[in-house]
Protein backbone atom coordinates (compact mmCIF):
# COMPACT_ATOMS: atom_id res chain seq x y z
CA MET A 1 -19.13 -105.34 -5.43
CA HIS A 2 -22.01 -104.30 -3.20
CA ARG A 3 -23.24 -105.72 0.05
CA ILE A 4 -26.49 -107.69 -0.15
CA TYR A 5 -29.14 -106.75 2.43
CA GLU A 6 -31.04 -110.02 2.70
CA HIS A 7 -33.08 -108.86 5.70
CA LEU A 8 -34.30 -105.94 3.55
CA SER A 9 -34.77 -108.18 0.47
CA LEU A 10 -32.47 -105.80 -1.43
CA VAL A 11 -29.33 -106.52 -3.44
CA ARG A 12 -27.80 -103.14 -2.54
CA TRP A 13 -28.47 -100.00 -0.51
CA PRO A 14 -31.20 -98.25 -2.49
CA PHE A 15 -30.77 -94.59 -1.53
CA PRO A 16 -27.29 -93.22 -2.28
CA VAL A 17 -27.41 -89.45 -1.86
CA VAL A 18 -24.47 -88.82 -4.21
CA PRO A 19 -25.02 -90.20 -7.74
CA GLN A 20 -22.83 -93.16 -8.70
CA GLN A 21 -22.54 -94.12 -12.34
CA ASP A 22 -22.96 -97.86 -11.73
CA PHE A 23 -26.19 -97.12 -9.83
CA CYS A 24 -27.66 -95.06 -12.68
CA THR A 25 -28.81 -97.89 -14.94
CA PHE A 26 -32.47 -96.91 -14.67
CA ILE A 27 -34.71 -93.87 -14.22
CA ALA A 28 -37.49 -94.24 -11.69
CA ASP A 29 -40.97 -92.89 -12.53
CA ARG A 30 -40.06 -90.32 -15.19
CA LYS A 31 -41.35 -92.11 -18.30
CA GLN A 32 -41.15 -89.06 -20.53
CA LEU A 33 -37.55 -88.45 -19.54
CA ARG A 34 -36.62 -92.05 -20.35
CA ALA A 35 -38.33 -91.63 -23.72
CA ASP A 36 -36.45 -88.35 -24.35
CA VAL A 37 -33.08 -89.98 -23.59
CA GLU A 38 -33.91 -92.95 -25.83
CA GLU A 39 -35.05 -90.64 -28.64
CA LEU A 40 -31.86 -88.59 -28.39
CA LEU A 41 -29.59 -91.64 -28.54
CA VAL A 42 -31.53 -93.08 -31.48
CA HIS A 43 -31.13 -89.82 -33.40
CA LEU A 44 -27.42 -89.58 -32.57
CA SER A 45 -26.76 -93.15 -33.68
CA ARG A 46 -28.70 -92.81 -36.96
CA ARG A 47 -27.07 -89.66 -38.34
CA ASP A 48 -23.54 -88.28 -38.38
CA THR A 49 -24.06 -84.50 -38.34
CA SER A 50 -22.70 -82.78 -35.24
CA SER A 51 -25.13 -81.24 -32.75
CA ILE A 52 -25.46 -79.26 -29.52
CA HIS A 53 -28.12 -80.12 -26.93
CA LEU A 54 -29.42 -78.50 -23.74
CA PHE A 55 -30.51 -80.18 -20.51
CA TRP A 56 -32.09 -77.94 -17.86
CA ALA A 57 -33.02 -79.16 -14.37
CA TRP A 58 -34.08 -77.77 -11.04
CA PHE A 59 -31.43 -78.06 -8.30
CA GLY A 60 -31.56 -81.58 -6.86
CA ALA A 61 -34.03 -82.85 -9.47
CA GLY A 62 -31.87 -85.77 -10.60
CA LYS A 63 -29.85 -84.17 -13.39
CA THR A 64 -26.54 -85.91 -12.74
CA HIS A 65 -28.30 -89.27 -12.31
CA THR A 66 -29.95 -88.74 -15.70
CA LEU A 67 -26.64 -87.88 -17.36
CA PHE A 68 -25.03 -91.03 -15.95
CA TYR A 69 -28.06 -93.00 -17.15
CA LEU A 70 -27.60 -91.54 -20.64
CA MET A 71 -23.94 -92.60 -20.58
CA ASN A 72 -24.83 -96.14 -19.50
CA GLN A 73 -27.47 -96.38 -22.22
CA ALA A 74 -24.95 -95.16 -24.79
CA VAL A 75 -22.54 -97.95 -23.75
CA THR A 76 -25.34 -100.52 -24.06
CA ARG A 77 -26.34 -99.21 -27.48
CA SER A 78 -22.70 -99.19 -28.66
CA GLY A 79 -22.39 -102.84 -27.64
CA SER A 80 -24.99 -103.80 -30.19
CA GLY A 81 -23.39 -105.29 -33.29
CA SER A 82 -25.46 -103.17 -35.69
CA ALA A 83 -25.01 -99.87 -33.83
CA GLY A 84 -22.39 -97.19 -34.25
CA ALA A 85 -19.91 -96.32 -31.53
CA LEU A 86 -21.05 -93.75 -28.97
CA HIS A 87 -18.20 -92.47 -26.77
CA CYS A 88 -19.36 -90.34 -23.83
CA VAL A 89 -17.06 -88.05 -21.87
CA TYR A 90 -18.53 -86.52 -18.71
CA THR A 91 -17.12 -83.19 -17.57
CA GLU A 92 -18.14 -81.06 -14.61
CA PHE A 93 -17.63 -77.41 -15.43
CA PRO A 94 -14.79 -76.09 -13.22
CA LYS A 95 -15.81 -73.75 -10.41
CA ALA A 96 -13.24 -71.09 -11.25
CA PRO A 97 -11.66 -71.73 -14.66
CA ARG A 98 -9.09 -69.24 -15.92
CA GLY A 99 -9.96 -70.08 -19.52
CA PHE A 100 -10.88 -72.83 -21.92
CA VAL A 101 -7.77 -74.90 -21.15
CA ASP A 102 -9.13 -75.53 -17.63
CA LEU A 103 -12.37 -76.86 -19.15
CA TYR A 104 -10.35 -78.97 -21.60
CA HIS A 105 -8.42 -80.38 -18.61
CA THR A 106 -11.63 -81.82 -17.19
CA PHE A 107 -12.53 -83.24 -20.63
CA ALA A 108 -9.19 -85.04 -20.92
CA GLY A 109 -9.61 -86.33 -17.37
CA GLY A 110 -12.89 -87.96 -18.41
CA LEU A 111 -11.39 -89.90 -21.31
CA ASP A 112 -11.22 -93.68 -20.98
CA PRO A 113 -7.49 -94.45 -21.50
CA ASP A 114 -8.20 -97.97 -22.78
CA VAL A 115 -10.62 -96.73 -25.44
CA LEU A 116 -8.17 -93.99 -26.41
CA ILE A 117 -5.21 -96.38 -26.75
CA ASN A 118 -7.21 -99.02 -28.63
CA SER A 119 -8.46 -96.37 -31.06
CA TYR A 120 -4.92 -95.17 -31.72
CA LEU A 121 -3.59 -98.69 -32.24
CA GLU A 122 -6.47 -99.34 -34.65
CA ILE A 123 -5.55 -96.44 -36.91
CA TYR A 124 -1.80 -97.00 -36.42
CA THR A 125 -2.01 -100.54 -37.76
CA ALA A 126 -4.83 -100.30 -40.31
CA PRO A 127 -3.65 -99.73 -43.92
CA GLY A 128 -6.75 -97.69 -44.69
CA ALA A 129 -5.97 -95.19 -41.90
CA ARG A 130 -2.47 -94.21 -43.00
CA GLY A 131 -3.73 -90.96 -44.51
CA PHE A 132 -5.37 -89.98 -41.25
CA HIS A 133 -2.23 -90.89 -39.31
CA ARG A 134 -0.06 -88.71 -41.56
CA ARG A 135 -2.52 -85.86 -41.11
CA LEU A 136 -2.42 -86.33 -37.33
CA MET A 137 1.38 -86.17 -37.32
CA GLN A 138 1.26 -82.97 -39.37
CA GLU A 139 -1.54 -81.18 -37.47
CA SER A 140 -0.70 -82.31 -33.95
CA PRO A 141 2.71 -83.97 -33.73
CA ASP A 142 2.77 -83.70 -29.95
CA LEU A 143 -0.57 -85.52 -29.70
CA ASP A 144 0.76 -88.25 -31.97
CA ALA A 145 3.89 -88.55 -29.80
CA ALA A 146 1.80 -88.70 -26.62
CA LEU A 147 -0.46 -91.40 -28.06
CA GLN A 148 2.55 -93.47 -29.12
CA VAL A 149 3.91 -93.32 -25.58
CA LEU A 150 0.51 -94.22 -24.10
CA ALA A 151 0.28 -97.23 -26.42
CA THR A 152 3.83 -98.54 -26.24
CA GLY A 153 5.84 -96.64 -23.61
CA LYS A 154 7.07 -97.43 -20.12
CA GLN A 155 4.85 -96.81 -17.09
CA ALA A 156 6.73 -93.67 -16.05
CA ASP A 157 6.53 -92.28 -19.60
CA TYR A 158 2.84 -93.25 -19.76
CA SER A 159 2.18 -91.07 -16.73
CA THR A 160 4.00 -88.12 -18.28
CA ALA A 161 2.13 -88.48 -21.58
CA MET A 162 -1.20 -88.63 -19.79
CA ARG A 163 -0.35 -85.49 -17.85
CA TRP A 164 0.48 -83.70 -21.10
CA LEU A 165 -2.84 -84.83 -22.58
CA ARG A 166 -4.58 -83.42 -19.51
CA ALA A 167 -2.72 -80.08 -19.85
CA VAL A 168 -0.83 -80.46 -16.58
CA ASN A 169 1.87 -77.80 -16.25
CA LEU A 170 5.03 -79.92 -15.83
CA PRO A 171 8.52 -78.63 -16.69
CA ALA A 172 8.99 -78.64 -20.48
CA SER A 173 12.06 -80.84 -20.10
CA GLU A 174 9.91 -83.72 -18.80
CA TYR A 175 7.72 -83.57 -21.90
CA ARG A 176 10.68 -83.25 -24.26
CA ALA A 177 12.17 -86.39 -22.70
CA ILE A 178 9.33 -88.43 -24.24
CA GLY A 179 9.28 -86.65 -27.60
CA ILE A 180 6.72 -83.92 -26.87
CA SER A 181 7.92 -80.47 -27.91
CA ASN A 182 5.54 -78.07 -26.21
CA LYS A 183 3.25 -77.86 -23.21
CA LEU A 184 -0.49 -77.85 -23.85
CA THR A 185 -1.25 -74.35 -22.63
CA SER A 186 -3.16 -72.41 -25.30
CA LEU A 187 -6.84 -72.65 -26.12
CA GLU A 188 -5.93 -73.15 -29.80
CA ASP A 189 -3.75 -76.17 -28.99
CA ALA A 190 -6.33 -77.63 -26.59
CA GLY A 191 -9.10 -77.20 -29.14
CA ASN A 192 -6.97 -78.77 -31.84
CA VAL A 193 -6.20 -81.80 -29.65
CA LEU A 194 -9.88 -82.26 -28.75
CA ALA A 195 -10.96 -82.09 -32.39
CA ASN A 196 -8.27 -84.58 -33.41
CA LEU A 197 -9.28 -86.98 -30.67
CA GLN A 198 -12.83 -86.88 -31.99
CA ARG A 199 -11.54 -87.68 -35.48
CA LEU A 200 -9.36 -90.44 -34.04
CA TYR A 201 -12.40 -92.18 -32.53
CA CYS A 202 -14.34 -91.88 -35.77
CA MET A 203 -11.50 -93.21 -37.92
CA ALA A 204 -10.98 -96.15 -35.53
CA ALA A 205 -14.69 -96.99 -35.78
CA GLU A 206 -14.46 -96.83 -39.56
CA CYS A 207 -11.48 -99.24 -39.50
CA GLN A 208 -13.61 -101.61 -37.40
CA HIS A 209 -16.40 -101.38 -40.01
CA LYS A 210 -18.84 -99.82 -37.56
CA PRO A 211 -21.76 -97.99 -39.19
CA GLY A 212 -20.86 -94.75 -37.46
CA CYS A 213 -19.21 -93.06 -34.49
CA ARG A 214 -19.95 -90.11 -32.25
CA LEU A 215 -18.16 -88.42 -29.38
CA ILE A 216 -20.71 -87.09 -26.87
CA TRP A 217 -19.15 -84.46 -24.62
CA ILE A 218 -21.35 -83.84 -21.58
CA VAL A 219 -20.56 -80.56 -19.81
CA ASP A 220 -22.42 -80.56 -16.50
CA GLU A 221 -23.08 -77.49 -14.29
CA TYR A 222 -22.57 -75.21 -17.27
CA GLN A 223 -24.44 -72.42 -15.49
CA ARG A 224 -21.23 -71.76 -13.54
CA ILE A 225 -20.01 -69.87 -16.60
CA GLU A 226 -22.38 -67.04 -15.63
CA ARG A 227 -20.16 -66.18 -12.62
CA LEU A 228 -17.02 -65.75 -14.71
CA SER A 229 -15.61 -62.58 -16.21
CA LYS A 230 -16.82 -61.53 -19.63
CA ARG A 231 -13.40 -62.38 -21.11
CA VAL A 232 -13.39 -65.95 -19.79
CA ARG A 233 -17.05 -66.51 -20.73
CA GLU A 234 -16.40 -65.40 -24.29
CA GLU A 235 -13.21 -67.46 -24.54
CA ILE A 236 -14.93 -70.68 -23.47
CA ASN A 237 -18.00 -70.15 -25.63
CA THR A 238 -15.85 -69.16 -28.61
CA ALA A 239 -13.66 -72.24 -28.16
CA LEU A 240 -16.69 -74.54 -28.09
CA HIS A 241 -18.03 -72.81 -31.18
CA SER A 242 -14.68 -73.24 -32.95
CA ILE A 243 -14.39 -76.94 -32.01
CA PHE A 244 -17.94 -77.54 -33.19
CA ASN A 245 -17.15 -75.89 -36.54
CA SER A 246 -14.01 -78.01 -36.96
CA CYS A 247 -16.00 -81.22 -36.36
CA PRO A 248 -19.00 -81.04 -38.73
CA THR A 249 -19.72 -84.74 -38.15
CA GLY A 250 -19.41 -87.13 -35.25
CA LEU A 251 -19.54 -84.67 -32.32
CA SER A 252 -22.34 -83.83 -29.91
CA ILE A 253 -21.98 -81.37 -27.04
CA LEU A 254 -24.58 -81.64 -24.29
CA LEU A 255 -24.66 -78.55 -22.08
CA SER A 256 -26.33 -79.34 -18.77
CA PHE A 257 -27.27 -76.73 -16.19
CA SER A 258 -29.17 -76.32 -12.92
CA GLY A 259 -31.73 -73.76 -11.82
CA LYS A 260 -35.33 -72.97 -12.55
CA PRO A 261 -35.85 -72.67 -16.32
CA GLN A 262 -36.18 -69.10 -17.53
CA ALA A 263 -38.13 -67.61 -20.37
CA GLY A 264 -36.39 -67.48 -23.72
CA PRO A 265 -35.03 -70.03 -26.18
CA THR A 266 -31.48 -70.26 -24.71
CA PRO A 267 -29.75 -69.07 -21.52
CA PRO A 268 -28.40 -65.50 -21.79
CA TRP A 269 -24.80 -66.56 -21.06
CA LEU A 270 -24.50 -68.48 -24.33
CA THR A 271 -22.90 -66.33 -27.03
CA PRO A 272 -25.05 -65.69 -30.11
CA GLU A 273 -22.55 -67.66 -32.23
CA LEU A 274 -22.82 -70.75 -30.04
CA ALA A 275 -26.58 -70.38 -29.65
CA SER A 276 -26.93 -70.21 -33.42
CA ARG A 277 -25.25 -73.62 -33.71
CA ILE A 278 -27.86 -75.10 -31.37
CA GLY A 279 -30.69 -74.02 -33.63
CA ARG A 280 -34.04 -75.67 -33.01
CA THR A 281 -33.61 -78.41 -30.43
CA LYS A 282 -35.77 -80.16 -27.89
CA VAL A 283 -34.59 -78.96 -24.48
CA MET A 284 -34.84 -81.68 -21.86
CA VAL A 285 -36.28 -80.19 -18.66
CA LEU A 286 -36.32 -81.92 -15.28
CA PRO A 287 -38.80 -80.39 -12.78
CA PRO A 288 -39.65 -81.54 -9.22
CA LEU A 289 -42.09 -84.41 -8.66
CA GLN A 290 -45.70 -84.39 -7.56
CA PRO A 291 -46.60 -86.50 -4.45
CA GLN A 292 -48.00 -89.43 -6.45
CA GLU A 293 -45.00 -89.32 -8.77
CA ALA A 294 -42.70 -89.35 -5.75
CA LEU A 295 -44.42 -92.48 -4.44
CA VAL A 296 -43.91 -94.22 -7.79
CA PHE A 297 -40.31 -92.98 -7.79
CA VAL A 298 -39.58 -94.68 -4.46
CA ARG A 299 -41.46 -97.86 -5.35
CA GLU A 300 -39.55 -98.27 -8.61
CA ILE A 301 -36.20 -97.75 -6.88
CA LEU A 302 -37.02 -100.49 -4.37
CA CYS A 303 -38.26 -102.80 -7.13
CA GLN A 304 -35.07 -102.19 -9.11
CA PHE A 305 -32.95 -103.64 -6.31
CA ARG A 306 -35.34 -106.31 -5.05
CA MET A 307 -33.62 -109.65 -4.46
CA PRO A 308 -34.63 -112.41 -6.89
CA GLY A 309 -37.27 -114.71 -5.42
CA LYS A 310 -38.63 -112.01 -3.12
CA SER A 311 -41.67 -111.14 -5.20
CA LYS A 312 -44.04 -111.99 -2.34
CA VAL A 313 -42.86 -109.09 -0.18
CA SER A 314 -44.62 -105.75 -0.49
CA GLU A 315 -43.37 -103.61 -3.35
CA TYR A 316 -42.55 -100.92 -0.76
CA PHE A 317 -40.73 -103.27 1.66
CA PRO A 318 -38.94 -102.62 4.00
CA PHE A 319 -41.31 -99.66 4.20
CA SER A 320 -45.06 -99.85 4.45
CA LYS A 321 -46.90 -97.83 1.83
CA GLU A 322 -48.16 -95.57 4.62
CA ALA A 323 -44.59 -94.94 5.77
CA CYS A 324 -43.59 -93.91 2.25
CA GLU A 325 -46.53 -91.51 2.05
CA THR A 326 -45.59 -90.07 5.45
CA ILE A 327 -41.97 -89.45 4.45
CA ILE A 328 -43.01 -87.84 1.17
CA LYS A 329 -45.48 -85.62 3.01
CA GLU A 330 -42.76 -84.51 5.42
CA VAL A 331 -40.38 -83.69 2.58
CA ASN A 332 -43.11 -81.75 0.82
CA LYS A 333 -43.68 -79.61 3.91
CA THR A 334 -40.22 -78.08 3.70
CA GLY A 335 -39.83 -77.68 -0.03
CA GLU A 336 -40.31 -79.20 -3.44
CA LEU A 337 -40.27 -82.94 -4.02
CA LYS A 338 -36.89 -83.30 -5.67
CA PRO A 339 -35.19 -86.70 -5.94
CA ARG A 340 -32.23 -85.56 -3.84
CA GLU A 341 -34.41 -84.54 -0.90
CA ILE A 342 -36.56 -87.67 -1.25
CA MET A 343 -33.52 -89.96 -1.35
CA SER A 344 -31.99 -88.18 1.64
CA ALA A 345 -35.12 -88.54 3.76
CA PHE A 346 -35.66 -92.21 2.88
CA ASN A 347 -31.98 -92.88 3.48
CA ALA A 348 -32.20 -91.35 6.97
CA VAL A 349 -35.19 -93.46 7.95
CA LEU A 350 -33.81 -96.66 6.46
CA GLN A 351 -30.41 -96.37 8.10
CA GLU A 352 -32.13 -96.09 11.51
CA ALA A 353 -34.45 -99.02 10.84
CA ASP A 354 -31.84 -101.27 9.17
CA PRO A 355 -30.26 -102.80 12.32
CA MET A 356 -33.66 -103.14 13.99
CA ILE A 357 -35.08 -105.12 11.06
CA GLU A 358 -31.97 -107.30 10.94
CA ALA A 359 -32.27 -108.01 14.66
CA GLY A 360 -35.98 -108.81 14.31
CA ARG A 361 -37.05 -105.94 16.58
CA ILE A 362 -39.38 -104.62 13.85
CA THR A 363 -40.70 -106.35 10.73
CA GLU A 364 -41.13 -103.26 8.55
CA ILE A 365 -40.98 -99.48 8.75
CA SER A 366 -44.32 -98.09 9.83
CA ALA A 367 -45.65 -94.58 9.36
CA ALA A 368 -45.16 -93.89 13.08
CA PHE A 369 -41.54 -95.11 12.96
CA ALA A 370 -40.85 -92.92 9.92
CA GLN A 371 -42.40 -89.88 11.58
CA GLU A 372 -40.39 -90.42 14.75
CA SER A 373 -37.20 -91.09 12.85
CA LEU A 374 -37.42 -87.91 10.78
CA SER A 375 -38.01 -85.87 13.95
CA HIS A 376 -34.45 -86.75 14.99
CA TYR A 377 -32.99 -84.98 11.97
CA ALA A 378 -32.62 -81.25 11.71
CA ASP A 379 -34.20 -79.61 8.70
CA VAL A 380 -31.08 -77.86 7.49
CA ASP A 381 -31.73 -75.27 4.84
CA VAL A 382 -28.70 -75.76 2.63
CA ALA A 383 -27.99 -73.45 -0.25
CA TYR A 384 -26.88 -76.06 -2.74
CA GLY A 385 -25.74 -73.47 -5.24
CA ASP A 386 -24.96 -75.13 -8.51
CA GLU A 387 -24.85 -78.72 -7.36
CA GLY A 388 -27.40 -80.40 -9.64
């Protein structure tokens, strides 16, 4: 539930600096990017072969917003009666993983428990899925035990089972108390569980007579792998390669990374084996904006959250068009026009003007007000590192 800003003619605050998934239902200005996301989802819903995709963006260029938008679009597409199921799991690459199990931990933390439980109950009760269930009990008995507890166990046991699924290092006795024999500590076990979860989703979709199913694993900030030791880099890349090989259908891995794109077909920190599985693919690239694009970007954000019945106000309200141009010019003086910097500057001006507009002291934000407002804020040169 969001506050409505009637005096601003907006149904919510339009400039959150940190991306929020419920905010990311649209992409402002970038028509080609919207088309690329739509094209990708169409391809993934029309075929079942597994795939690996790359998404490369400048720091602060709107990468995380775009990934959340892709996830929201996948949910919308999955809700269509004629479409296959698209299950997205968003993972941020850990800052200092000791190995693949730490990356798997973030994957398991991104799973929707309700979808997971419903999928298990679907295959547990469907006559046509008995073969898959027997195979699951043979290949990963601890996963089967954990899923049974999640679906039918007590709240305390549910918590323990979820911790096992997320590879939390509890005493073995706590896991044995709910029928789980071993901790989830090896990359082989973690990879096996991930692959079986992907098969679980696909079998559940088949039982529901859906035309297809795909697990889309989004690994954001993947460039962090470059800072790791050679051993850890190779372990993670090899594990991804192995999981991909064990899931020839129904799996897509989207590796997302920040930084200025470099020459060459793939980043140098991808192993040749993993890079070979990518093959020829369209790399989505997200560069900074040009001034006119930035103006359209801001206008479309404001239009997205315009209150119904307020069509007579300026499309830039509560800003004047001149104020928007002034803010964009000021941002451009200190660096590239990236969505993060644009949103931050507009947020700063709007939060200063907000109470004044509500009190009737000003009717809109003028260019002079914007210029004066921005002069109150220090131009802090922050090294954002790998925060996309």
